[in-house]
Amino acid sequence: MVTVTEKAKEKVIELMQENGLDNTHFLRVSVQGGGCSGLSYKMDFDNEEKPGDQFFEDKGIRITLDMKSFLYLAGTELDFSDGLNGKGFNFHNPNATRTCGCGESFSV
């Protein structure tokens, strides 16, 4: 399961409203090769289910992961920071053995 903090929930809702998306859309989180640590996170909104998608809901936010990404992201918490140290989404991934300094890529 992937969970979201209250701050991440608020930002996801704000972004959905800004983009005119309705409740048929969900947050698609995935992992792709790249970044300084080997794997990087990707997020987007989607409204089309694909074969093998794993769906979760936390705090009213629907999240989907493809099966490969699920293996890397199980137990991950999505957070959002807008402080002085940087603004953006942060992944607290218990499966990551190493992360880069910016937190946008990881390895297992």
PDB file of N, CA and C in Angstrom:
ATOM      1  N   MET A   1       0.834  -1.188   0.000  1.00  0.00           N
ATOM      2  CA  MET A   1       0.000   0.000   0.000  1.00  0.00           C
ATOM      3  C   MET A   1       0.877   1.250   0.000  1.00  0.00           C
ATOM      4  N   VAL A   2       0.418   2.281  -0.677  1.00  0.00           N
ATOM      5  CA  VAL A   2       1.060   3.598  -0.663  1.00  0.00           C
ATOM      6  C   VAL A   2       0.113   4.539   0.069  1.00  0.00           C
ATOM      7  N   THR A   3       0.662   5.332   0.979  1.00  0.00           N
ATOM      8  CA  THR A   3      -0.150   6.259   1.754  1.00  0.00           C
ATOM      9  C   THR A   3       0.271   7.696   1.460  1.00  0.00           C
ATOM     10  N   VAL A   4      -0.581   8.636   1.857  1.00  0.00           N
ATOM     11  CA  VAL A   4      -0.290  10.061   1.665  1.00  0.00           C
ATOM     12  C   VAL A   4      -0.450  10.786   2.993  1.00  0.00           C
ATOM     13  N   THR A   5       0.392  11.789   3.204  1.00  0.00           N
ATOM     14  CA  THR A   5       0.242  12.628   4.384  1.00  0.00           C
ATOM     15  C   THR A   5      -0.872  13.642   4.110  1.00  0.00           C
ATOM     16  N   GLU A   6      -1.277  14.335   5.133  1.00  0.00           N
ATOM     17  CA  GLU A   6      -2.316  15.357   4.991  1.00  0.00           C
ATOM     18  C   GLU A   6      -1.860  16.459   4.025  1.00  0.00           C
ATOM     19  N   LYS A   7      -0.583  16.865   4.103  1.00  0.00           N
ATOM     20  CA  LYS A   7      -0.053  17.908   3.206  1.00  0.00           C
ATOM     21  C   LYS A   7      -0.067  17.441   1.751  1.00  0.00           C
ATOM     22  N   ALA A   8       0.300  16.173   1.518  1.00  0.00           N
ATOM     23  CA  ALA A   8       0.285  15.636   0.157  1.00  0.00           C
ATOM     24  C   ALA A   8      -1.145  15.561  -0.366  1.00  0.00           C
ATOM     25  N   LYS A   9      -2.064  15.152   0.485  1.00  0.00           N
ATOM     26  CA  LYS A   9      -3.478  15.091   0.095  1.00  0.00           C
ATOM     27  C   LYS A   9      -3.953  16.463  -0.368  1.00  0.00           C
ATOM     28  N   GLU A  10      -3.673  17.496   0.419  1.00  0.00           N
ATOM     29  CA  GLU A  10      -4.105  18.851   0.074  1.00  0.00           C
ATOM     30  C   GLU A  10      -3.525  19.298  -1.268  1.00  0.00           C
ATOM     31  N   LYS A  11      -2.251  18.993  -1.503  1.00  0.00           N
ATOM     32  CA  LYS A  11      -1.607  19.412  -2.753  1.00  0.00           C
ATOM     33  C   LYS A  11      -2.162  18.639  -3.945  1.00  0.00           C
ATOM     34  N   VAL A  12      -2.410  17.354  -3.790  1.00  0.00           N
ATOM     35  CA  VAL A  12      -2.983  16.562  -4.884  1.00  0.00           C
ATOM     36  C   VAL A  12      -4.352  17.109  -5.255  1.00  0.00           C
ATOM     37  N   ILE A  13      -5.181  17.393  -4.262  1.00  0.00           N
ATOM     38  CA  ILE A  13      -6.518  17.957  -4.521  1.00  0.00           C
ATOM     39  C   ILE A  13      -6.396  19.307  -5.222  1.00  0.00           C
ATOM     40  N   GLU A  14      -5.475  20.144  -4.755  1.00  0.00           N
ATOM     41  CA  GLU A  14      -5.258  21.453  -5.380  1.00  0.00           C
ATOM     42  C   GLU A  14      -4.853  21.306  -6.850  1.00  0.00           C
ATOM     43  N   LEU A  15      -3.939  20.386  -7.138  1.00  0.00           N
ATOM     44  CA  LEU A  15      -3.478  20.183  -8.515  1.00  0.00           C
ATOM     45  C   LEU A  15      -4.594  19.632  -9.399  1.00  0.00           C
ATOM     46  N   MET A  16      -5.407  18.741  -8.851  1.00  0.00           N
ATOM     47  CA  MET A  16      -6.523  18.203  -9.626  1.00  0.00           C
ATOM     48  C   MET A  16      -7.512  19.318  -9.983  1.00  0.00           C
ATOM     49  N   GLN A  17      -7.797  20.192  -9.015  1.00  0.00           N
ATOM     50  CA  GLN A  17      -8.725  21.293  -9.266  1.00  0.00           C
ATOM     51  C   GLN A  17      -8.147  22.268 -10.293  1.00  0.00           C
ATOM     52  N   GLU A  18      -6.861  22.587 -10.165  1.00  0.00           N
ATOM     53  CA  GLU A  18      -6.209  23.503 -11.107  1.00  0.00           C
ATOM     54  C   GLU A  18      -6.255  22.973 -12.537  1.00  0.00           C
ATOM     55  N   ASN A  19      -6.202  21.637 -12.673  1.00  0.00           N
ATOM     56  CA  ASN A  19      -6.187  21.015 -13.991  1.00  0.00           C
ATOM     57  C   ASN A  19      -7.578  20.593 -14.465  1.00  0.00           C
ATOM     58  N   GLY A  20      -8.613  20.941 -13.695  1.00  0.00           N
ATOM     59  CA  GLY A  20      -9.977  20.638 -14.091  1.00  0.00           C
ATOM     60  C   GLY A  20     -10.301  19.156 -14.112  1.00  0.00           C
ATOM     61  N   LEU A  21      -9.650  18.377 -13.243  1.00  0.00           N
ATOM     62  CA  LEU A  21      -9.863  16.929 -13.210  1.00  0.00           C
ATOM     63  C   LEU A  21     -10.958  16.585 -12.211  1.00  0.00           C
ATOM     64  N   ASP A  22     -11.748  15.579 -12.537  1.00  0.00           N
ATOM     65  CA  ASP A  22     -12.824  15.166 -11.641  1.00  0.00           C
ATOM     66  C   ASP A  22     -12.448  13.872 -10.912  1.00  0.00           C
ATOM     67  N   ASN A  23     -13.427  13.314 -10.207  1.00  0.00           N
ATOM     68  CA  ASN A  23     -13.139  12.134  -9.385  1.00  0.00           C
ATOM     69  C   ASN A  23     -12.989  10.848 -10.195  1.00  0.00           C
ATOM     70  N   THR A  24     -13.058  10.927 -11.529  1.00  0.00           N
ATOM     71  CA  THR A  24     -12.745   9.749 -12.339  1.00  0.00           C
ATOM     72  C   THR A  24     -11.227   9.606 -12.506  1.00  0.00           C
ATOM     73  N   HIS A  25     -10.490  10.629 -12.146  1.00  0.00           N
ATOM     74  CA  HIS A  25      -9.031  10.602 -12.238  1.00  0.00           C
ATOM     75  C   HIS A  25      -8.423  10.111 -10.928  1.00  0.00           C
ATOM     76  N   PHE A  26      -7.249   9.545 -11.051  1.00  0.00           N
ATOM     77  CA  PHE A  26      -6.509   9.062  -9.895  1.00  0.00           C
ATOM     78  C   PHE A  26      -5.043   9.416 -10.074  1.00  0.00           C
ATOM     79  N   LEU A  27      -4.290   9.270  -9.006  1.00  0.00           N
ATOM     80  CA  LEU A  27      -2.859   9.563  -9.022  1.00  0.00           C
ATOM     81  C   LEU A  27      -2.112   8.299  -9.409  1.00  0.00           C
ATOM     82  N   ARG A  28      -1.398   8.342 -10.517  1.00  0.00           N
ATOM     83  CA  ARG A  28      -0.586   7.200 -10.947  1.00  0.00           C
ATOM     84  C   ARG A  28       0.854   7.458 -10.506  1.00  0.00           C
ATOM     85  N   VAL A  29       1.370   6.572  -9.676  1.00  0.00           N
ATOM     86  CA  VAL A  29       2.747   6.665  -9.181  1.00  0.00           C
ATOM     87  C   VAL A  29       3.515   5.488  -9.767  1.00  0.00           C
ATOM     88  N   SER A  30       4.704   5.755 -10.285  1.00  0.00           N
ATOM     89  CA  SER A  30       5.482   4.678 -10.884  1.00  0.00           C
ATOM     90  C   SER A  30       6.975   4.896 -10.673  1.00  0.00           C
ATOM     91  N   VAL A  31       7.714   3.876 -11.043  1.00  0.00           N
ATOM     92  CA  VAL A  31       9.169   3.884 -10.954  1.00  0.00           C
ATOM     93  C   VAL A  31       9.702   3.662 -12.359  1.00  0.00           C
ATOM     94  N   GLN A  32      10.727   4.418 -12.711  1.00  0.00           N
ATOM     95  CA  GLN A  32      11.365   4.223 -14.006  1.00  0.00           C
ATOM     96  C   GLN A  32      12.877   4.278 -13.826  1.00  0.00           C
ATOM     97  N   GLY A  33      13.593   3.672 -14.739  1.00  0.00           N
ATOM     98  CA  GLY A  33      15.042   3.701 -14.685  1.00  0.00           C
ATOM     99  C   GLY A  33      15.551   5.108 -14.915  1.00  0.00           C
ATOM    100  N   GLY A  34      16.595   5.490 -14.175  1.00  0.00           N
ATOM    101  CA  GLY A  34      17.184   6.807 -14.354  1.00  0.00           C
ATOM    102  C   GLY A  34      17.479   7.480 -13.038  1.00  0.00           C
ATOM    103  N   GLY A  35      17.974   8.677 -13.097  1.00  0.00           N
ATOM    104  CA  GLY A  35      18.348   9.407 -11.894  1.00  0.00           C
ATOM    105  C   GLY A  35      19.719   8.988 -11.420  1.00  0.00           C
ATOM    106  N   CYS A  36      20.264   9.735 -10.491  1.00  0.00           N
ATOM    107  CA  CYS A  36      21.629   9.456 -10.044  1.00  0.00           C
ATOM    108  C   CYS A  36      21.755   8.186  -9.226  1.00  0.00           C
ATOM    109  N   SER A  37      20.650   7.658  -8.698  1.00  0.00           N
ATOM    110  CA  SER A  37      20.735   6.424  -7.911  1.00  0.00           C
ATOM    111  C   SER A  37      20.208   5.202  -8.654  1.00  0.00           C
ATOM    112  N   GLY A  38      19.756   5.381  -9.886  1.00  0.00           N
ATOM    113  CA  GLY A  38      19.359   4.233 -10.693  1.00  0.00           C
ATOM    114  C   GLY A  38      17.873   4.130 -10.993  1.00  0.00           C
ATOM    115  N   LEU A  39      17.017   4.518 -10.057  1.00  0.00           N
ATOM    116  CA  LEU A  39      15.573   4.477 -10.255  1.00  0.00           C
ATOM    117  C   LEU A  39      14.989   5.818  -9.857  1.00  0.00           C
ATOM    118  N   SER A  40      13.994   6.277 -10.580  1.00  0.00           N
ATOM    119  CA  SER A  40      13.376   7.551 -10.222  1.00  0.00           C
ATOM    120  C   SER A  40      11.863   7.403 -10.125  1.00  0.00           C
ATOM    121  N   TYR A  41      11.274   8.298  -9.355  1.00  0.00           N
ATOM    122  CA  TYR A  41       9.834   8.309  -9.137  1.00  0.00           C
ATOM    123  C   TYR A  41       9.156   9.124 -10.236  1.00  0.00           C
ATOM    124  N   LYS A  42       7.946   8.709 -10.582  1.00  0.00           N
ATOM    125  CA  LYS A  42       7.161   9.456 -11.554  1.00  0.00           C
ATOM    126  C   LYS A  42       5.722   9.512 -11.048  1.00  0.00           C
ATOM    127  N   MET A  43       5.100  10.675 -11.190  1.00  0.00           N
ATOM    128  CA  MET A  43       3.706  10.845 -10.779  1.00  0.00           C
ATOM    129  C   MET A  43       2.962  11.580 -11.882  1.00  0.00           C
ATOM    130  N   ASP A  44       1.708  11.178 -12.059  1.00  0.00           N
ATOM    131  CA  ASP A  44       0.864  11.838 -13.039  1.00  0.00           C
ATOM    132  C   ASP A  44      -0.582  11.514 -12.694  1.00  0.00           C
ATOM    133  N   PHE A  45      -1.507  12.245 -13.282  1.00  0.00           N
ATOM    134  CA  PHE A  45      -2.919  11.923 -13.132  1.00  0.00           C
ATOM    135  C   PHE A  45      -3.343  11.090 -14.331  1.00  0.00           C
ATOM    136  N   ASP A  46      -4.261  10.169 -14.086  1.00  0.00           N
ATOM    137  CA  ASP A  46      -4.719   9.269 -15.134  1.00  0.00           C
ATOM    138  C   ASP A  46      -6.177   8.933 -14.862  1.00  0.00           C
ATOM    139  N   ASN A  47      -6.872   8.470 -15.874  1.00  0.00           N
ATOM    140  CA  ASN A  47      -8.237   7.990 -15.671  1.00  0.00           C
ATOM    141  C   ASN A  47      -8.492   6.702 -16.433  1.00  0.00           C
ATOM    142  N   GLU A  48      -7.408   6.056 -16.888  1.00  0.00           N
ATOM    143  CA  GLU A  48      -7.519   4.790 -17.592  1.00  0.00           C
ATOM    144  C   GLU A  48      -6.783   3.697 -16.833  1.00  0.00           C
ATOM    145  N   GLU A  49      -7.525   2.673 -16.468  1.00  0.00           N
ATOM    146  CA  GLU A  49      -6.933   1.525 -15.776  1.00  0.00           C
ATOM    147  C   GLU A  49      -6.203   0.658 -16.785  1.00  0.00           C
ATOM    148  N   LYS A  50      -5.022   0.180 -16.391  1.00  0.00           N
ATOM    149  CA  LYS A  50      -4.222  -0.689 -17.245  1.00  0.00           C
ATOM    150  C   LYS A  50      -4.150  -2.074 -16.612  1.00  0.00           C
ATOM    151  N   PRO A  51      -3.948  -3.113 -17.412  1.00  0.00           N
ATOM    152  CA  PRO A  51      -3.851  -4.465 -16.850  1.00  0.00           C
ATOM    153  C   PRO A  51      -2.744  -4.534 -15.796  1.00  0.00           C
ATOM    154  N   GLY A  52      -3.038  -5.140 -14.664  1.00  0.00           N
ATOM    155  CA  GLY A  52      -2.050  -5.298 -13.602  1.00  0.00           C
ATOM    156  C   GLY A  52      -1.972  -4.141 -12.624  1.00  0.00           C
ATOM    157  N   ASP A  53      -2.748  -3.077 -12.843  1.00  0.00           N
ATOM    158  CA  ASP A  53      -2.725  -1.940 -11.925  1.00  0.00           C
ATOM    159  C   ASP A  53      -3.167  -2.363 -10.527  1.00  0.00           C
ATOM    160  N   GLN A  54      -2.492  -1.832  -9.537  1.00  0.00           N
ATOM    161  CA  GLN A  54      -2.831  -2.035  -8.138  1.00  0.00           C
ATOM    162  C   GLN A  54      -3.407  -0.725  -7.614  1.00  0.00           C
ATOM    163  N   PHE A  55      -4.623  -0.754  -7.077  1.00  0.00           N
ATOM    164  CA  PHE A  55      -5.282   0.456  -6.604  1.00  0.00           C
ATOM    165  C   PHE A  55      -5.314   0.512  -5.086  1.00  0.00           C
ATOM    166  N   PHE A  56      -5.119   1.712  -4.559  1.00  0.00           N
ATOM    167  CA  PHE A  56      -5.179   1.970  -3.124  1.00  0.00           C
ATOM    168  C   PHE A  56      -5.920   3.284  -2.932  1.00  0.00           C
ATOM    169  N   GLU A  57      -6.444   3.484  -1.740  1.00  0.00           N
ATOM    170  CA  GLU A  57      -7.044   4.770  -1.415  1.00  0.00           C
ATOM    171  C   GLU A  57      -6.621   5.127   0.002  1.00  0.00           C
ATOM    172  N   ASP A  58      -6.147   6.353   0.169  1.00  0.00           N
ATOM    173  CA  ASP A  58      -5.757   6.845   1.487  1.00  0.00           C
ATOM    174  C   ASP A  58      -6.193   8.301   1.591  1.00  0.00           C
ATOM    175  N   LYS A  59      -6.899   8.605   2.651  1.00  0.00           N
ATOM    176  CA  LYS A  59      -7.390   9.970   2.901  1.00  0.00           C
ATOM    177  C   LYS A  59      -8.189  10.512   1.727  1.00  0.00           C
ATOM    178  N   GLY A  60      -8.905   9.634   1.022  1.00  0.00           N
ATOM    179  CA  GLY A  60      -9.734  10.051  -0.095  1.00  0.00           C
ATOM    180  C   GLY A  60      -8.990  10.198  -1.412  1.00  0.00           C
ATOM    181  N   ILE A  61      -7.695   9.946  -1.437  1.00  0.00           N
ATOM    182  CA  ILE A  61      -6.893  10.033  -2.661  1.00  0.00           C
ATOM    183  C   ILE A  61      -6.739   8.637  -3.243  1.00  0.00           C
ATOM    184  N   ARG A  62      -7.191   8.471  -4.491  1.00  0.00           N
ATOM    185  CA  ARG A  62      -7.031   7.185  -5.181  1.00  0.00           C
ATOM    186  C   ARG A  62      -5.667   7.160  -5.847  1.00  0.00           C
ATOM    187  N   ILE A  63      -4.936   6.081  -5.595  1.00  0.00           N
ATOM    188  CA  ILE A  63      -3.565   5.928  -6.091  1.00  0.00           C
ATOM    189  C   ILE A  63      -3.478   4.597  -6.821  1.00  0.00           C
ATOM    190  N   THR A  64      -2.797   4.578  -7.945  1.00  0.00           N
ATOM    191  CA  THR A  64      -2.558   3.320  -8.636  1.00  0.00           C
ATOM    192  C   THR A  64      -1.076   3.181  -8.970  1.00  0.00           C
ATOM    193  N   LEU A  65      -0.637   1.936  -8.967  1.00  0.00           N
ATOM    194  CA  LEU A  65       0.731   1.587  -9.335  1.00  0.00           C
ATOM    195  C   LEU A  65       0.666   0.390 -10.261  1.00  0.00           C
ATOM    196  N   ASP A  66       1.555   0.347 -11.257  1.00  0.00           N
ATOM    197  CA  ASP A  66       1.669  -0.873 -12.041  1.00  0.00           C
ATOM    198  C   ASP A  66       2.376  -1.904 -11.168  1.00  0.00           C
ATOM    199  N   MET A  67       2.315  -3.171 -11.549  1.00  0.00           N
ATOM    200  CA  MET A  67       2.838  -4.237 -10.690  1.00  0.00           C
ATOM    201  C   MET A  67       4.335  -4.082 -10.425  1.00  0.00           C
ATOM    202  N   LYS A  68       5.123  -3.702 -11.428  1.00  0.00           N
ATOM    203  CA  LYS A  68       6.569  -3.527 -11.231  1.00  0.00           C
ATOM    204  C   LYS A  68       6.839  -2.431 -10.201  1.00  0.00           C
ATOM    205  N   SER A  69       6.146  -1.304 -10.341  1.00  0.00           N
ATOM    206  CA  SER A  69       6.347  -0.198  -9.404  1.00  0.00           C
ATOM    207  C   SER A  69       5.896  -0.576  -8.006  1.00  0.00           C
ATOM    208  N   PHE A  70       4.825  -1.360  -7.911  1.00  0.00           N
ATOM    209  CA  PHE A  70       4.334  -1.801  -6.612  1.00  0.00           C
ATOM    210  C   PHE A  70       5.421  -2.552  -5.843  1.00  0.00           C
ATOM    211  N   LEU A  71       6.203  -3.368  -6.539  1.00  0.00           N
ATOM    212  CA  LEU A  71       7.266  -4.133  -5.878  1.00  0.00           C
ATOM    213  C   LEU A  71       8.308  -3.208  -5.248  1.00  0.00           C
ATOM    214  N   TYR A  72       8.562  -2.055  -5.864  1.00  0.00           N
ATOM    215  CA  TYR A  72       9.536  -1.095  -5.342  1.00  0.00           C
ATOM    216  C   TYR A  72       8.935  -0.129  -4.320  1.00  0.00           C
ATOM    217  N   LEU A  73       7.630   0.098  -4.404  1.00  0.00           N
ATOM    218  CA  LEU A  73       7.021   1.171  -3.608  1.00  0.00           C
ATOM    219  C   LEU A  73       6.103   0.706  -2.488  1.00  0.00           C
ATOM    220  N   ALA A  74       5.941  -0.574  -2.281  1.00  0.00           N
ATOM    221  CA  ALA A  74       5.057  -1.063  -1.213  1.00  0.00           C
ATOM    222  C   ALA A  74       5.500  -0.467   0.120  1.00  0.00           C
ATOM    223  N   GLY A  75       4.559   0.135   0.832  1.00  0.00           N
ATOM    224  CA  GLY A  75       4.852   0.734   2.131  1.00  0.00           C
ATOM    225  C   GLY A  75       5.323   2.179   2.073  1.00  0.00           C
ATOM    226  N   THR A  76       5.377   2.762   0.896  1.00  0.00           N
ATOM    227  CA  THR A  76       5.867   4.129   0.727  1.00  0.00           C
ATOM    228  C   THR A  76       4.819   5.150   1.173  1.00  0.00           C
ATOM    229  N   GLU A  77       5.303   6.227   1.775  1.00  0.00           N
ATOM    230  CA  GLU A  77       4.448   7.348   2.148  1.00  0.00           C
ATOM    231  C   GLU A  77       4.814   8.543   1.274  1.00  0.00           C
ATOM    232  N   LEU A  78       3.794   9.156   0.680  1.00  0.00           N
ATOM    233  CA  LEU A  78       3.984  10.342  -0.141  1.00  0.00           C
ATOM    234  C   LEU A  78       3.706  11.576   0.711  1.00  0.00           C
ATOM    235  N   ASP A  79       4.658  12.497   0.731  1.00  0.00           N
ATOM    236  CA  ASP A  79       4.534  13.716   1.522  1.00  0.00           C
ATOM    237  C   ASP A  79       4.726  14.910   0.601  1.00  0.00           C
ATOM    238  N   PHE A  80       4.384  16.090   1.077  1.00  0.00           N
ATOM    239  CA  PHE A  80       4.619  17.319   0.326  1.00  0.00           C
ATOM    240  C   PHE A  80       5.227  18.343   1.261  1.00  0.00           C
ATOM    241  N   SER A  81       6.257  19.017   0.770  1.00  0.00           N
ATOM    242  CA  SER A  81       6.927  20.045   1.561  1.00  0.00           C
ATOM    243  C   SER A  81       6.912  21.357   0.780  1.00  0.00           C
ATOM    244  N   ASP A  82       6.637  22.436   1.481  1.00  0.00           N
ATOM    245  CA  ASP A  82       6.722  23.742   0.844  1.00  0.00           C
ATOM    246  C   ASP A  82       7.588  24.686   1.674  1.00  0.00           C
ATOM    247  N   GLY A  83       8.541  24.091   2.379  1.00  0.00           N
ATOM    248  CA  GLY A  83       9.405  24.862   3.260  1.00  0.00           C
ATOM    249  C   GLY A  83      10.615  25.440   2.559  1.00  0.00           C
ATOM    250  N   LEU A  84      11.496  26.012   3.350  1.00  0.00           N
ATOM    251  CA  LEU A  84      12.703  26.664   2.830  1.00  0.00           C
ATOM    252  C   LEU A  84      13.691  25.685   2.215  1.00  0.00           C
ATOM    253  N   ASN A  85      13.647  24.426   2.640  1.00  0.00           N
ATOM    254  CA  ASN A  85      14.591  23.431   2.122  1.00  0.00           C
ATOM    255  C   ASN A  85      14.166  22.842   0.786  1.00  0.00           C
ATOM    256  N   GLY A  86      13.119  23.325   0.230  1.00  0.00           N
ATOM    257  CA  GLY A  86      12.659  22.824  -1.064  1.00  0.00           C
ATOM    258  C   GLY A  86      11.172  22.610  -1.066  1.00  0.00           C
ATOM    259  N   LYS A  87      10.616  22.675  -2.250  1.00  0.00           N
ATOM    260  CA  LYS A  87       9.186  22.525  -2.412  1.00  0.00           C
ATOM    261  C   LYS A  87       8.927  21.357  -3.345  1.00  0.00           C
ATOM    262  N   GLY A  88       8.008  20.501  -2.949  1.00  0.00           N
ATOM    263  CA  GLY A  88       7.641  19.403  -3.828  1.00  0.00           C
ATOM    264  C   GLY A  88       7.252  18.158  -3.055  1.00  0.00           C
ATOM    265  N   PHE A  89       6.925  17.139  -3.823  1.00  0.00           N
ATOM    266  CA  PHE A  89       6.551  15.854  -3.238  1.00  0.00           C
ATOM    267  C   PHE A  89       7.802  15.084  -2.827  1.00  0.00           C
ATOM    268  N   ASN A  90       7.693  14.398  -1.703  1.00  0.00           N
ATOM    269  CA  ASN A  90       8.782  13.574  -1.180  1.00  0.00           C
ATOM    270  C   ASN A  90       8.264  12.159  -0.968  1.00  0.00           C
ATOM    271  N   PHE A  91       9.080  11.184  -1.299  1.00  0.00           N
ATOM    272  CA  PHE A  91       8.731   9.789  -1.113  1.00  0.00           C
ATOM    273  C   PHE A  91       9.521   9.241   0.070  1.00  0.00           C
ATOM    274  N   HIS A  92       8.809   8.712   1.060  1.00  0.00           N
ATOM    275  CA  HIS A  92       9.453   8.027   2.179  1.00  0.00           C
ATOM    276  C   HIS A  92       9.301   6.541   1.906  1.00  0.00           C
ATOM    277  N   ASN A  93      10.315   5.985   1.244  1.00  0.00           N
ATOM    278  CA  ASN A  93      10.263   4.625   0.728  1.00  0.00           C
ATOM    279  C   ASN A  93      11.089   3.695   1.612  1.00  0.00           C
ATOM    280  N   PRO A  94      10.446   2.782   2.347  1.00  0.00           N
ATOM    281  CA  PRO A  94      11.194   1.881   3.221  1.00  0.00           C
ATOM    282  C   PRO A  94      12.013   0.843   2.457  1.00  0.00           C
ATOM    283  N   ASN A  95      11.776   0.700   1.165  1.00  0.00           N
ATOM    284  CA  ASN A  95      12.499  -0.287   0.353  1.00  0.00           C
ATOM    285  C   ASN A  95      13.797   0.273  -0.216  1.00  0.00           C
ATOM    286  N   ALA A  96      13.967   1.587  -0.183  1.00  0.00           N
ATOM    287  CA  ALA A  96      15.157   2.218  -0.758  1.00  0.00           C
ATOM    288  C   ALA A  96      16.356   2.006   0.154  1.00  0.00           C
ATOM    289  N   THR A  97      17.434   1.495  -0.414  1.00  0.00           N
ATOM    290  CA  THR A  97      18.672   1.314   0.353  1.00  0.00           C
ATOM    291  C   THR A  97      19.589   2.514   0.203  1.00  0.00           C
ATOM    292  N   ARG A  98      19.343   3.311  -0.842  1.00  0.00           N
ATOM    293  CA  ARG A  98      20.152   4.499  -1.084  1.00  0.00           C
ATOM    294  C   ARG A  98      19.303   5.495  -1.844  1.00  0.00           C
ATOM    295  N   THR A  99      19.428   6.770  -1.512  1.00  0.00           N
ATOM    296  CA  THR A  99      18.733   7.824  -2.249  1.00  0.00           C
ATOM    297  C   THR A  99      19.736   8.903  -2.634  1.00  0.00           C
ATOM    298  N   CYS A 100      19.379   9.669  -3.640  1.00  0.00           N
ATOM    299  CA  CYS A 100      20.261  10.774  -4.034  1.00  0.00           C
ATOM    300  C   CYS A 100      19.986  11.961  -3.136  1.00  0.00           C
ATOM    301  N   GLY A 101      20.809  12.970  -3.223  1.00  0.00           N
ATOM    302  CA  GLY A 101      20.672  14.147  -2.368  1.00  0.00           C
ATOM    303  C   GLY A 101      19.365  14.890  -2.549  1.00  0.00           C
ATOM    304  N   CYS A 102      18.838  14.911  -3.761  1.00  0.00           N
ATOM    305  CA  CYS A 102      17.588  15.638  -4.005  1.00  0.00           C
ATOM    306  C   CYS A 102      16.360  14.804  -3.659  1.00  0.00           C
ATOM    307  N   GLY A 103      16.533  13.502  -3.443  1.00  0.00           N
ATOM    308  CA  GLY A 103      15.414  12.640  -3.065  1.00  0.00           C
ATOM    309  C   GLY A 103      14.550  12.207  -4.218  1.00  0.00           C
ATOM    310  N   GLU A 104      14.949  12.474  -5.454  1.00  0.00           N
ATOM    311  CA  GLU A 104      14.136  12.115  -6.601  1.00  0.00           C
ATOM    312  C   GLU A 104      14.503  10.765  -7.194  1.00  0.00           C
ATOM    313  N   SER A 105      15.592  10.161  -6.752  1.00  0.00           N
ATOM    314  CA  SER A 105      15.925   8.840  -7.241  1.00  0.00           C
ATOM    315  C   SER A 105      16.421   7.975  -6.081  1.00  0.00           C
ATOM    316  N   PHE A 106      16.415   6.665  -6.328  1.00  0.00           N
ATOM    317  CA  PHE A 106      16.761   5.717  -5.260  1.00  0.00           C
ATOM    318  C   PHE A 106      17.269   4.421  -5.875  1.00  0.00           C
ATOM    319  N   SER A 107      17.777   3.568  -5.017  1.00  0.00           N
ATOM    320  CA  SER A 107      18.134   2.200  -5.433  1.00  0.00           C
ATOM    321  C   SER A 107      17.687   1.253  -4.339  1.00  0.00           C
ATOM    322  N   VAL A 108      17.548  -0.010  -4.716  1.00  0.00           N
ATOM    323  CA  VAL A 108      17.138  -1.039  -3.744  1.00  0.00           C
ATOM    324  C   VAL A 108      18.158  -2.148  -3.705  1.00  0.00           C
TER     325      VAL A 108
END
